Amino acid sequence: MTSQVLAEFRRKASTGAAELQVGDEVVQLTNPLNPATHFSVKTEETWQCQIGEATVEIVKEQPLVVGGLHDDTYTVLVDNDVVAIATGN
């Protein structure tokens, strides 16, 4: 039987900080002090981390045209299975 653990992805648009909280563990995915966190021309960015035996991947997709004015799409995968999709800044 596979045990399930509650996970929460958080991103602050004002600072660019992104983190993943799994149980009591918090994994920093971005560094708000890094200029690349704020200024990027990529339309897709992937963050990956290992939590226990599971590989967690968060894919951020932003629109190509005037990306800052439209919501980004976030896809969360655990061991290559999509577990959540959300939109927002």
PDB file of N, CA and C in Angstrom:
ATOM      1  N   MET A   1       0.842  -1.181   0.000  1.00  0.00           N
ATOM      2  CA  MET A   1       0.000   0.000   0.000  1.00  0.00           C
ATOM      3  C   MET A   1       0.884   1.240   0.000  1.00  0.00           C
ATOM      4  N   THR A   2       0.543   2.214  -0.829  1.00  0.00           N
ATOM      5  CA  THR A   2       1.303   3.450  -0.932  1.00  0.00           C
ATOM      6  C   THR A   2       0.734   4.482   0.027  1.00  0.00           C
ATOM      7  N   SER A   3       1.591   5.097   0.825  1.00  0.00           N
ATOM      8  CA  SER A   3       1.108   6.137   1.735  1.00  0.00           C
ATOM      9  C   SER A   3       1.091   7.474   1.008  1.00  0.00           C
ATOM     10  N   GLN A   4       0.127   8.310   1.372  1.00  0.00           N
ATOM     11  CA  GLN A   4       0.014   9.619   0.746  1.00  0.00           C
ATOM     12  C   GLN A   4       0.383  10.687   1.764  1.00  0.00           C
ATOM     13  N   VAL A   5       1.082  11.712   1.279  1.00  0.00           N
ATOM     14  CA  VAL A   5       1.497  12.823   2.118  1.00  0.00           C
ATOM     15  C   VAL A   5       1.002  14.106   1.464  1.00  0.00           C
ATOM     16  N   LEU A   6       0.437  14.982   2.259  1.00  0.00           N
ATOM     17  CA  LEU A   6      -0.064  16.250   1.746  1.00  0.00           C
ATOM     18  C   LEU A   6       1.102  17.153   1.356  1.00  0.00           C
ATOM     19  N   ALA A   7       1.012  17.724   0.164  1.00  0.00           N
ATOM     20  CA  ALA A   7       2.051  18.641  -0.322  1.00  0.00           C
ATOM     21  C   ALA A   7       1.391  19.928  -0.768  1.00  0.00           C
ATOM     22  N   GLU A   8       2.103  21.028  -0.601  1.00  0.00           N
ATOM     23  CA  GLU A   8       1.587  22.334  -1.015  1.00  0.00           C
ATOM     24  C   GLU A   8       2.681  23.107  -1.749  1.00  0.00           C
ATOM     25  N   PHE A   9       2.366  23.552  -2.962  1.00  0.00           N
ATOM     26  CA  PHE A   9       3.271  24.389  -3.742  1.00  0.00           C
ATOM     27  C   PHE A   9       2.864  25.832  -3.507  1.00  0.00           C
ATOM     28  N   ARG A  10       3.847  26.683  -3.220  1.00  0.00           N
ATOM     29  CA  ARG A  10       3.569  28.106  -2.988  1.00  0.00           C
ATOM     30  C   ARG A  10       4.516  28.951  -3.815  1.00  0.00           C
ATOM     31  N   ARG A  11       3.964  30.009  -4.401  1.00  0.00           N
ATOM     32  CA  ARG A  11       4.779  30.951  -5.162  1.00  0.00           C
ATOM     33  C   ARG A  11       4.293  32.355  -4.884  1.00  0.00           C
ATOM     34  N   LYS A  12       5.221  33.252  -4.573  1.00  0.00           N
ATOM     35  CA  LYS A  12       4.894  34.661  -4.366  1.00  0.00           C
ATOM     36  C   LYS A  12       5.309  35.422  -5.608  1.00  0.00           C
ATOM     37  N   ALA A  13       4.339  35.933  -6.352  1.00  0.00           N
ATOM     38  CA  ALA A  13       4.640  36.663  -7.581  1.00  0.00           C
ATOM     39  C   ALA A  13       5.468  37.918  -7.291  1.00  0.00           C
ATOM     40  N   SER A  14       5.251  38.545  -6.145  1.00  0.00           N
ATOM     41  CA  SER A  14       5.966  39.785  -5.828  1.00  0.00           C
ATOM     42  C   SER A  14       7.464  39.574  -5.614  1.00  0.00           C
ATOM     43  N   THR A  15       7.861  38.402  -5.098  1.00  0.00           N
ATOM     44  CA  THR A  15       9.276  38.149  -4.836  1.00  0.00           C
ATOM     45  C   THR A  15       9.875  37.103  -5.773  1.00  0.00           C
ATOM     46  N   GLY A  16       9.027  36.323  -6.415  1.00  0.00           N
ATOM     47  CA  GLY A  16       9.516  35.243  -7.268  1.00  0.00           C
ATOM     48  C   GLY A  16       9.850  33.980  -6.503  1.00  0.00           C
ATOM     49  N   ALA A  17       9.660  34.004  -5.178  1.00  0.00           N
ATOM     50  CA  ALA A  17       9.968  32.832  -4.355  1.00  0.00           C
ATOM     51  C   ALA A  17       8.984  31.709  -4.662  1.00  0.00           C
ATOM     52  N   ALA A  18       9.508  30.503  -4.799  1.00  0.00           N
ATOM     53  CA  ALA A  18       8.680  29.313  -4.993  1.00  0.00           C
ATOM     54  C   ALA A  18       9.210  28.234  -4.072  1.00  0.00           C
ATOM     55  N   GLU A  19       8.281  27.550  -3.393  1.00  0.00           N
ATOM     56  CA  GLU A  19       8.685  26.490  -2.487  1.00  0.00           C
ATOM     57  C   GLU A  19       7.628  25.391  -2.482  1.00  0.00           C
ATOM     58  N   LEU A  20       8.071  24.227  -2.062  1.00  0.00           N
ATOM     59  CA  LEU A  20       7.203  23.066  -1.952  1.00  0.00           C
ATOM     60  C   LEU A  20       7.275  22.592  -0.520  1.00  0.00           C
ATOM     61  N   GLN A  21       6.112  22.515   0.135  1.00  0.00           N
ATOM     62  CA  GLN A  21       6.071  21.993   1.495  1.00  0.00           C
ATOM     63  C   GLN A  21       5.436  20.620   1.459  1.00  0.00           C
ATOM     64  N   VAL A  22       6.153  19.645   1.999  1.00  0.00           N
ATOM     65  CA  VAL A  22       5.672  18.276   2.089  1.00  0.00           C
ATOM     66  C   VAL A  22       5.791  17.863   3.543  1.00  0.00           C
ATOM     67  N   GLY A  23       4.664  17.707   4.194  1.00  0.00           N
ATOM     68  CA  GLY A  23       4.696  17.446   5.631  1.00  0.00           C
ATOM     69  C   GLY A  23       5.354  18.624   6.329  1.00  0.00           C
ATOM     70  N   ASP A  24       6.386  18.346   7.119  1.00  0.00           N
ATOM     71  CA  ASP A  24       7.116  19.405   7.821  1.00  0.00           C
ATOM     72  C   ASP A  24       8.307  19.932   7.027  1.00  0.00           C
ATOM     73  N   GLU A  25       8.606  19.298   5.898  1.00  0.00           N
ATOM     74  CA  GLU A  25       9.775  19.665   5.093  1.00  0.00           C
ATOM     75  C   GLU A  25       9.414  20.734   4.058  1.00  0.00           C
ATOM     76  N   VAL A  26      10.228  21.786   3.980  1.00  0.00           N
ATOM     77  CA  VAL A  26      10.043  22.842   2.981  1.00  0.00           C
ATOM     78  C   VAL A  26      11.252  22.841   2.060  1.00  0.00           C
ATOM     79  N   VAL A  27      10.985  22.742   0.752  1.00  0.00           N
ATOM     80  CA  VAL A  27      12.039  22.734  -0.259  1.00  0.00           C
ATOM     81  C   VAL A  27      11.959  24.030  -1.042  1.00  0.00           C
ATOM     82  N   GLN A  28      13.033  24.845  -0.993  1.00  0.00           N
ATOM     83  CA  GLN A  28      13.107  26.086  -1.782  1.00  0.00           C
ATOM     84  C   GLN A  28      13.350  25.717  -3.233  1.00  0.00           C
ATOM     85  N   LEU A  29      12.468  26.164  -4.119  1.00  0.00           N
ATOM     86  CA  LEU A  29      12.623  25.866  -5.543  1.00  0.00           C
ATOM     87  C   LEU A  29      13.282  27.015  -6.295  1.00  0.00           C
ATOM     88  N   THR A  30      13.102  28.245  -5.810  1.00  0.00           N
ATOM     89  CA  THR A  30      13.750  29.404  -6.425  1.00  0.00           C
ATOM     90  C   THR A  30      14.353  30.276  -5.342  1.00  0.00           C
ATOM     91  N   ASN A  31      15.323  31.085  -5.745  1.00  0.00           N
ATOM     92  CA  ASN A  31      15.972  32.018  -4.838  1.00  0.00           C
ATOM     93  C   ASN A  31      15.556  33.427  -5.238  1.00  0.00           C
ATOM     94  N   PRO A  32      14.787  34.138  -4.406  1.00  0.00           N
ATOM     95  CA  PRO A  32      14.343  35.483  -4.756  1.00  0.00           C
ATOM     96  C   PRO A  32      15.492  36.481  -4.952  1.00  0.00           C
ATOM     97  N   LEU A  33      16.676  36.162  -4.444  1.00  0.00           N
ATOM     98  CA  LEU A  33      17.816  37.056  -4.595  1.00  0.00           C
ATOM     99  C   LEU A  33      18.520  36.876  -5.936  1.00  0.00           C
ATOM    100  N   ASN A  34      18.188  35.824  -6.656  1.00  0.00           N
ATOM    101  CA  ASN A  34      18.789  35.554  -7.962  1.00  0.00           C
ATOM    102  C   ASN A  34      18.022  36.341  -9.033  1.00  0.00           C
ATOM    103  N   PRO A  35      18.688  37.232  -9.787  1.00  0.00           N
ATOM    104  CA  PRO A  35      17.993  38.019 -10.815  1.00  0.00           C
ATOM    105  C   PRO A  35      17.276  37.168 -11.865  1.00  0.00           C
ATOM    106  N   ALA A  36      17.777  35.971 -12.137  1.00  0.00           N
ATOM    107  CA  ALA A  36      17.130  35.095 -13.123  1.00  0.00           C
ATOM    108  C   ALA A  36      15.740  34.660 -12.666  1.00  0.00           C
ATOM    109  N   THR A  37      15.483  34.751 -11.357  1.00  0.00           N
ATOM    110  CA  THR A  37      14.154  34.428 -10.838  1.00  0.00           C
ATOM    111  C   THR A  37      13.118  35.425 -11.343  1.00  0.00           C
ATOM    112  N   HIS A  38      13.537  36.672 -11.566  1.00  0.00           N
ATOM    113  CA  HIS A  38      12.607  37.743 -11.935  1.00  0.00           C
ATOM    114  C   HIS A  38      12.596  38.051 -13.424  1.00  0.00           C
ATOM    115  N   PHE A  39      13.724  37.852 -14.083  1.00  0.00           N
ATOM    116  CA  PHE A  39      13.848  38.235 -15.486  1.00  0.00           C
ATOM    117  C   PHE A  39      14.233  37.018 -16.318  1.00  0.00           C
ATOM    118  N   SER A  40      13.258  36.463 -16.995  1.00  0.00           N
ATOM    119  CA  SER A  40      13.508  35.274 -17.806  1.00  0.00           C
ATOM    120  C   SER A  40      12.621  35.327 -19.036  1.00  0.00           C
ATOM    121  N   VAL A  41      13.140  34.891 -20.159  1.00  0.00           N
ATOM    122  CA  VAL A  41      12.350  34.859 -21.389  1.00  0.00           C
ATOM    123  C   VAL A  41      11.847  33.446 -21.680  1.00  0.00           C
ATOM    124  N   LYS A  42      12.095  32.520 -20.760  1.00  0.00           N
ATOM    125  CA  LYS A  42      11.618  31.150 -20.940  1.00  0.00           C
ATOM    126  C   LYS A  42      10.096  31.117 -20.856  1.00  0.00           C
ATOM    127  N   THR A  43       9.486  30.289 -21.689  1.00  0.00           N
ATOM    128  CA  THR A  43       8.041  30.099 -21.586  1.00  0.00           C
ATOM    129  C   THR A  43       7.710  28.865 -20.755  1.00  0.00           C
ATOM    130  N   GLU A  44       8.720  28.054 -20.450  1.00  0.00           N
ATOM    131  CA  GLU A  44       8.507  26.880 -19.600  1.00  0.00           C
ATOM    132  C   GLU A  44       9.689  26.719 -18.655  1.00  0.00           C
ATOM    133  N   GLU A  45       9.365  26.451 -17.410  1.00  0.00           N
ATOM    134  CA  GLU A  45      10.403  26.232 -16.393  1.00  0.00           C
ATOM    135  C   GLU A  45       9.996  25.020 -15.571  1.00  0.00           C
ATOM    136  N   THR A  46      10.961  24.179 -15.229  1.00  0.00           N
ATOM    137  CA  THR A  46      10.673  22.970 -14.464  1.00  0.00           C
ATOM    138  C   THR A  46      11.507  22.945 -13.200  1.00  0.00           C
ATOM    139  N   TRP A  47      10.849  22.683 -12.086  1.00  0.00           N
ATOM    140  CA  TRP A  47      11.522  22.482 -10.811  1.00  0.00           C
ATOM    141  C   TRP A  47      11.322  21.030 -10.428  1.00  0.00           C
ATOM    142  N   GLN A  48      12.381  20.397  -9.940  1.00  0.00           N
ATOM    143  CA  GLN A  48      12.299  18.983  -9.590  1.00  0.00           C
ATOM    144  C   GLN A  48      12.977  18.762  -8.251  1.00  0.00           C
ATOM    145  N   CYS A  49      12.362  17.917  -7.428  1.00  0.00           N
ATOM    146  CA  CYS A  49      12.988  17.561  -6.155  1.00  0.00           C
ATOM    147  C   CYS A  49      12.579  16.143  -5.777  1.00  0.00           C
ATOM    148  N   GLN A  50      13.351  15.575  -4.885  1.00  0.00           N
ATOM    149  CA  GLN A  50      13.113  14.222  -4.409  1.00  0.00           C
ATOM    150  C   GLN A  50      12.538  14.326  -3.009  1.00  0.00           C
ATOM    151  N   ILE A  51      11.377  13.715  -2.796  1.00  0.00           N
ATOM    152  CA  ILE A  51      10.750  13.678  -1.475  1.00  0.00           C
ATOM    153  C   ILE A  51      10.582  12.200  -1.122  1.00  0.00           C
ATOM    154  N   GLY A  52      11.392  11.738  -0.188  1.00  0.00           N
ATOM    155  CA  GLY A  52      11.372  10.310   0.119  1.00  0.00           C
ATOM    156  C   GLY A  52      11.778   9.537  -1.124  1.00  0.00           C
ATOM    157  N   GLU A  53      10.950   8.593  -1.529  1.00  0.00           N
ATOM    158  CA  GLU A  53      11.228   7.810  -2.736  1.00  0.00           C
ATOM    159  C   GLU A  53      10.544   8.398  -3.968  1.00  0.00           C
ATOM    160  N   ALA A  54       9.780   9.464  -3.796  1.00  0.00           N
ATOM    161  CA  ALA A  54       9.022  10.050  -4.912  1.00  0.00           C
ATOM    162  C   ALA A  54       9.771  11.219  -5.550  1.00  0.00           C
ATOM    163  N   THR A  55       9.670  11.304  -6.868  1.00  0.00           N
ATOM    164  CA  THR A  55      10.207  12.452  -7.598  1.00  0.00           C
ATOM    165  C   THR A  55       9.048  13.397  -7.882  1.00  0.00           C
ATOM    166  N   VAL A  56       9.180  14.629  -7.397  1.00  0.00           N
ATOM    167  CA  VAL A  56       8.145  15.642  -7.593  1.00  0.00           C
ATOM    168  C   VAL A  56       8.665  16.660  -8.593  1.00  0.00           C
ATOM    169  N   GLU A  57       7.841  16.953  -9.582  1.00  0.00           N
ATOM    170  CA  GLU A  57       8.218  17.896 -10.640  1.00  0.00           C
ATOM    171  C   GLU A  57       7.095  18.917 -10.791  1.00  0.00           C
ATOM    172  N   ILE A  58       7.453  20.182 -10.842  1.00  0.00           N
ATOM    173  CA  ILE A  58       6.480  21.245 -11.064  1.00  0.00           C
ATOM    174  C   ILE A  58       6.900  21.969 -12.327  1.00  0.00           C
ATOM    175  N   VAL A  59       5.979  22.024 -13.290  1.00  0.00           N
ATOM    176  CA  VAL A  59       6.250  22.658 -14.576  1.00  0.00           C
ATOM    177  C   VAL A  59       5.417  23.933 -14.659  1.00  0.00           C
ATOM    178  N   LYS A  60       6.100  25.054 -14.840  1.00  0.00           N
ATOM    179  CA  LYS A  60       5.431  26.350 -14.994  1.00  0.00           C
ATOM    180  C   LYS A  60       5.482  26.721 -16.470  1.00  0.00           C
ATOM    181  N   GLU A  61       4.311  26.987 -17.051  1.00  0.00           N
ATOM    182  CA  GLU A  61       4.237  27.436 -18.437  1.00  0.00           C
ATOM    183  C   GLU A  61       3.618  28.819 -18.450  1.00  0.00           C
ATOM    184  N   GLN A  62       4.276  29.735 -19.158  1.00  0.00           N
ATOM    185  CA  GLN A  62       3.700  31.069 -19.262  1.00  0.00           C
ATOM    186  C   GLN A  62       3.490  31.413 -20.726  1.00  0.00           C
ATOM    187  N   PRO A  63       2.443  32.203 -20.992  1.00  0.00           N
ATOM    188  CA  PRO A  63       2.129  32.568 -22.372  1.00  0.00           C
ATOM    189  C   PRO A  63       3.299  33.281 -23.041  1.00  0.00           C
ATOM    190  N   LEU A  64       3.443  33.048 -24.327  1.00  0.00           N
ATOM    191  CA  LEU A  64       4.540  33.652 -25.085  1.00  0.00           C
ATOM    192  C   LEU A  64       4.342  35.157 -25.249  1.00  0.00           C
ATOM    193  N   VAL A  65       3.133  35.583 -25.523  1.00  0.00           N
ATOM    194  CA  VAL A  65       2.854  37.003 -25.781  1.00  0.00           C
ATOM    195  C   VAL A  65       2.433  37.681 -24.486  1.00  0.00           C
ATOM    196  N   VAL A  66       3.160  38.717 -24.096  1.00  0.00           N
ATOM    197  CA  VAL A  66       2.880  39.520 -22.900  1.00  0.00           C
ATOM    198  C   VAL A  66       2.611  38.607 -21.704  1.00  0.00           C
ATOM    199  N   GLY A  67       3.582  37.769 -21.409  1.00  0.00           N
ATOM    200  CA  GLY A  67       3.435  36.760 -20.371  1.00  0.00           C
ATOM    201  C   GLY A  67       3.041  37.283 -19.011  1.00  0.00           C
ATOM    202  N   GLY A  68       3.520  38.446 -18.623  1.00  0.00           N
ATOM    203  CA  GLY A  68       3.213  38.993 -17.309  1.00  0.00           C
ATOM    204  C   GLY A  68       1.771  39.409 -17.132  1.00  0.00           C
ATOM    205  N   LEU A  69       1.033  39.553 -18.211  1.00  0.00           N
ATOM    206  CA  LEU A  69      -0.359  39.979 -18.124  1.00  0.00           C
ATOM    207  C   LEU A  69      -1.344  38.817 -18.112  1.00  0.00           C
ATOM    208  N   HIS A  70      -0.866  37.618 -18.329  1.00  0.00           N
ATOM    209  CA  HIS A  70      -1.727  36.439 -18.371  1.00  0.00           C
ATOM    210  C   HIS A  70      -1.304  35.456 -17.293  1.00  0.00           C
ATOM    211  N   ASP A  71      -2.242  34.638 -16.861  1.00  0.00           N
ATOM    212  CA  ASP A  71      -1.939  33.635 -15.836  1.00  0.00           C
ATOM    213  C   ASP A  71      -0.989  32.565 -16.370  1.00  0.00           C
ATOM    214  N   ASP A  72      -0.146  32.076 -15.483  1.00  0.00           N
ATOM    215  CA  ASP A  72       0.733  30.953 -15.796  1.00  0.00           C
ATOM    216  C   ASP A  72      -0.023  29.664 -15.490  1.00  0.00           C
ATOM    217  N   THR A  73       0.410  28.576 -16.104  1.00  0.00           N
ATOM    218  CA  THR A  73      -0.157  27.260 -15.814  1.00  0.00           C
ATOM    219  C   THR A  73       0.898  26.440 -15.089  1.00  0.00           C
ATOM    220  N   TYR A  74       0.507  25.827 -13.982  1.00  0.00           N
ATOM    221  CA  TYR A  74       1.404  25.009 -13.179  1.00  0.00           C
ATOM    222  C   TYR A  74       0.894  23.563 -13.216  1.00  0.00           C
ATOM    223  N   THR A  75       1.766  22.641 -13.608  1.00  0.00           N
ATOM    224  CA  THR A  75       1.429  21.225 -13.632  1.00  0.00           C
ATOM    225  C   THR A  75       2.324  20.519 -12.625  1.00  0.00           C
ATOM    226  N   VAL A  76       1.715  19.750 -11.738  1.00  0.00           N
ATOM    227  CA  VAL A  76       2.460  19.034 -10.704  1.00  0.00           C
ATOM    228  C   VAL A  76       2.430  17.547 -11.041  1.00  0.00           C
ATOM    229  N   LEU A  77       3.623  16.962 -11.094  1.00  0.00           N
ATOM    230  CA  LEU A  77       3.753  15.532 -11.385  1.00  0.00           C
ATOM    231  C   LEU A  77       4.476  14.849 -10.227  1.00  0.00           C
ATOM    232  N   VAL A  78       4.019  13.671  -9.899  1.00  0.00           N
ATOM    233  CA  VAL A  78       4.702  12.831  -8.916  1.00  0.00           C
ATOM    234  C   VAL A  78       5.008  11.518  -9.612  1.00  0.00           C
ATOM    235  N   ASP A  79       6.284  11.204  -9.703  1.00  0.00           N
ATOM    236  CA  ASP A  79       6.744  10.008 -10.416  1.00  0.00           C
ATOM    237  C   ASP A  79       6.148   9.945 -11.829  1.00  0.00           C
ATOM    238  N   ASN A  80       6.197  11.085 -12.518  1.00  0.00           N
ATOM    239  CA  ASN A  80       5.729  11.246 -13.904  1.00  0.00           C
ATOM    240  C   ASN A  80       4.217  11.151 -14.090  1.00  0.00           C
ATOM    241  N   ASP A  81       3.451  11.099 -13.011  1.00  0.00           N
ATOM    242  CA  ASP A  81       1.998  11.107 -13.101  1.00  0.00           C
ATOM    243  C   ASP A  81       1.485  12.500 -12.726  1.00  0.00           C
ATOM    244  N   VAL A  82       0.642  13.085 -13.576  1.00  0.00           N
ATOM    245  CA  VAL A  82       0.066  14.394 -13.284  1.00  0.00           C
ATOM    246  C   VAL A  82      -0.906  14.249 -12.116  1.00  0.00           C
ATOM    247  N   VAL A  83      -0.678  15.045 -11.064  1.00  0.00           N
ATOM    248  CA  VAL A  83      -1.548  14.984  -9.890  1.00  0.00           C
ATOM    249  C   VAL A  83      -2.351  16.263  -9.703  1.00  0.00           C
ATOM    250  N   ALA A  84      -1.913  17.363 -10.354  1.00  0.00           N
ATOM    251  CA  ALA A  84      -2.648  18.625 -10.225  1.00  0.00           C
ATOM    252  C   ALA A  84      -2.244  19.574 -11.340  1.00  0.00           C
ATOM    253  N   ILE A  85      -3.208  20.404 -11.747  1.00  0.00           N
ATOM    254  CA  ILE A  85      -2.960  21.474 -12.710  1.00  0.00           C
ATOM    255  C   ILE A  85      -3.679  22.705 -12.170  1.00  0.00           C
ATOM    256  N   ALA A  86      -2.978  23.838 -12.142  1.00  0.00           N
ATOM    257  CA  ALA A  86      -3.567  25.071 -11.649  1.00  0.00           C
ATOM    258  C   ALA A  86      -3.079  26.241 -12.485  1.00  0.00           C
ATOM    259  N   THR A  87      -3.825  27.334 -12.451  1.00  0.00           N
ATOM    260  CA  THR A  87      -3.408  28.558 -13.147  1.00  0.00           C
ATOM    261  C   THR A  87      -3.351  29.694 -12.126  1.00  0.00           C
ATOM    262  N   GLY A  88      -2.528  30.670 -12.417  1.00  0.00           N
ATOM    263  CA  GLY A  88      -2.389  31.834 -11.552  1.00  0.00           C
ATOM    264  C   GLY A  88      -1.038  32.486 -11.780  1.00  0.00           C
ATOM    265  N   ASN A  89      -0.791  33.552 -11.024  1.00  0.00           N
ATOM    266  CA  ASN A  89       0.483  34.254 -11.132  1.00  0.00           C
ATOM    267  C   ASN A  89       1.348  33.745 -10.053  1.00  0.00           C
TER     268      ASN A  89
END
